[in-house]
Amino acid sequence: MLQKGWRCLDCTVCEGCGKPHDESRLILCDECDISFHIYCLDPPLDEVPQGAWKCKWCIVCVTCGATSPGIVDGCAWQNNYSQCARCASLEMCPVCSVSYTDGELILQCAYCERFVSLQ
């Protein structure tokens, strides 16, 4: 916390734009208390996430432990910033966001590592 410039809650500002306004869209990292407006994140969020949220310095995939969302350009953190794109794609289609069913066959692309349902 000391290395990242901890601030008390009364002095909290967005690390993206440096402004304290719009508190209803200002989210705090559950690990280090750094805060961002949801629209100052990269990529931005459409709404304030439910439950836990971690900043880009503290985030880690809860499934595999990765600290980046993926190796392919355009990969993004999934499931409220809790899973990397690869682990999330094992549970649902990264294109249409439909969940896979138990026993459904999926195929992994050798080039981009995305998964495709065979059914």
Protein backbone atom coordinates (compact mmCIF):
# COMPACT_ATOMS: atom_id res chain seq x y z
CA MET A 1 0.00 0.00 0.00
CA LEU A 2 2.80 2.42 0.82
CA GLN A 3 4.45 1.88 -2.57
CA LYS A 4 1.21 2.60 -4.41
CA GLY A 5 0.40 5.80 -2.52
CA TRP A 6 -2.32 4.84 -0.04
CA ARG A 7 -4.92 7.52 0.73
CA CYS A 8 -7.58 7.74 3.43
CA LEU A 9 -11.17 7.39 2.19
CA ASP A 10 -11.77 11.14 2.52
CA CYS A 11 -8.86 11.82 0.12
CA THR A 12 -9.66 9.08 -2.42
CA VAL A 13 -9.30 10.08 -6.06
CA CYS A 14 -9.46 8.14 -9.31
CA GLU A 15 -5.99 6.89 -10.30
CA GLY A 16 -7.00 7.30 -13.95
CA CYS A 17 -8.14 10.93 -14.08
CA GLY A 18 -7.02 12.18 -10.65
CA LYS A 19 -10.47 13.54 -9.75
CA PRO A 20 -12.56 12.73 -6.66
CA HIS A 21 -15.99 13.46 -8.23
CA ASP A 22 -18.67 10.95 -9.30
CA GLU A 23 -18.26 8.79 -6.19
CA SER A 24 -21.08 6.43 -7.22
CA ARG A 25 -18.87 5.21 -10.10
CA LEU A 26 -15.61 5.16 -8.14
CA ILE A 27 -14.55 1.62 -7.22
CA LEU A 28 -11.83 0.61 -4.77
CA CYS A 29 -9.48 -2.34 -5.11
CA ASP A 30 -10.16 -4.92 -2.40
CA GLU A 31 -6.41 -5.57 -2.04
CA CYS A 32 -4.73 -2.16 -2.02
CA ASP A 33 -7.57 0.45 -1.85
CA ILE A 34 -6.51 2.16 -5.11
CA SER A 35 -9.62 3.53 -6.82
CA PHE A 36 -10.80 4.13 -10.38
CA HIS A 37 -13.94 5.45 -12.00
CA ILE A 38 -15.49 2.58 -13.94
CA TYR A 39 -15.13 4.64 -17.14
CA CYS A 40 -11.42 5.38 -16.47
CA LEU A 41 -10.48 1.67 -16.50
CA ASP A 42 -8.93 0.10 -19.58
CA PRO A 43 -11.19 -1.39 -20.78
CA PRO A 44 -13.95 0.61 -19.08
CA LEU A 45 -16.77 -1.14 -17.21
CA ASP A 46 -20.44 -0.46 -18.03
CA GLU A 47 -21.51 -0.63 -14.40
CA VAL A 48 -20.10 -0.94 -10.90
CA PRO A 49 -19.25 -4.63 -10.39
CA GLN A 50 -21.07 -6.65 -7.75
CA GLY A 51 -18.84 -8.23 -5.14
CA ALA A 52 -15.05 -8.10 -5.06
CA TRP A 53 -12.94 -6.13 -7.52
CA LYS A 54 -9.15 -5.86 -7.86
CA CYS A 55 -7.06 -3.31 -9.75
CA LYS A 56 -4.67 -4.22 -12.58
CA TRP A 57 -1.75 -4.45 -10.14
CA CYS A 58 -3.47 -6.85 -7.73
CA ILE A 59 -5.57 -8.97 -10.09
CA VAL A 60 -4.97 -12.68 -10.47
CA CYS A 61 -7.08 -15.39 -12.13
CA VAL A 62 -8.85 -17.40 -9.42
CA THR A 63 -8.67 -20.52 -11.60
CA CYS A 64 -5.07 -20.67 -12.89
CA GLY A 65 -3.26 -17.84 -11.06
CA ALA A 66 -2.41 -15.83 -14.23
CA THR A 67 -1.68 -12.14 -13.76
CA SER A 68 -2.57 -11.14 -17.32
CA PRO A 69 -5.89 -11.74 -19.11
CA GLY A 70 -4.32 -13.70 -21.96
CA ILE A 71 -1.59 -13.83 -24.57
CA VAL A 72 -3.66 -12.72 -27.58
CA ASP A 73 -4.30 -9.04 -28.29
CA GLY A 74 -7.80 -8.10 -27.26
CA CYS A 75 -8.02 -10.59 -24.39
CA ALA A 76 -9.78 -9.11 -21.39
CA TRP A 77 -10.43 -10.17 -17.82
CA GLN A 78 -13.75 -11.98 -17.43
CA ASN A 79 -16.30 -12.67 -14.68
CA ASN A 80 -15.91 -9.40 -12.81
CA TYR A 81 -12.13 -9.38 -13.25
CA SER A 82 -11.76 -12.74 -11.50
CA GLN A 83 -10.79 -15.02 -14.41
CA CYS A 84 -8.38 -14.73 -17.32
CA ALA A 85 -9.90 -15.00 -20.80
CA ARG A 86 -8.58 -18.54 -21.28
CA CYS A 87 -10.11 -19.95 -18.08
CA ALA A 88 -13.40 -18.14 -18.64
CA SER A 89 -13.59 -19.56 -22.17
CA LEU A 90 -13.59 -23.08 -20.68
CA GLU A 91 -16.95 -22.27 -19.06
CA MET A 92 -18.63 -20.09 -21.67
CA CYS A 93 -18.23 -18.96 -25.26
CA PRO A 94 -16.04 -15.82 -25.46
CA VAL A 95 -18.03 -14.58 -28.46
CA CYS A 96 -21.68 -15.04 -27.43
CA SER A 97 -21.26 -15.51 -23.61
CA VAL A 98 -23.42 -18.65 -23.57
CA SER A 99 -22.35 -21.19 -20.93
CA TYR A 100 -21.24 -24.65 -22.00
CA THR A 101 -23.19 -27.63 -20.69
CA ASP A 102 -21.63 -30.61 -18.89
CA GLY A 103 -20.19 -33.09 -21.36
CA GLU A 104 -20.31 -30.65 -24.29
CA LEU A 105 -17.30 -30.96 -26.60
CA ILE A 106 -15.25 -27.83 -27.22
CA LEU A 107 -12.22 -27.31 -29.45
CA GLN A 108 -9.25 -25.05 -28.75
CA CYS A 109 -7.75 -23.09 -31.65
CA ALA A 110 -3.99 -23.77 -31.96
CA TYR A 111 -3.36 -20.21 -33.17
CA CYS A 112 -5.33 -17.93 -30.83
CA GLU A 113 -6.18 -20.34 -27.98
CA ARG A 114 -9.91 -19.55 -28.16
CA PHE A 115 -12.39 -22.34 -27.62
CA VAL A 116 -15.29 -23.27 -29.92
CA SER A 117 -18.25 -25.49 -29.10
CA LEU A 118 -18.66 -28.53 -31.34
CA GLN A 119 -22.39 -28.85 -30.68
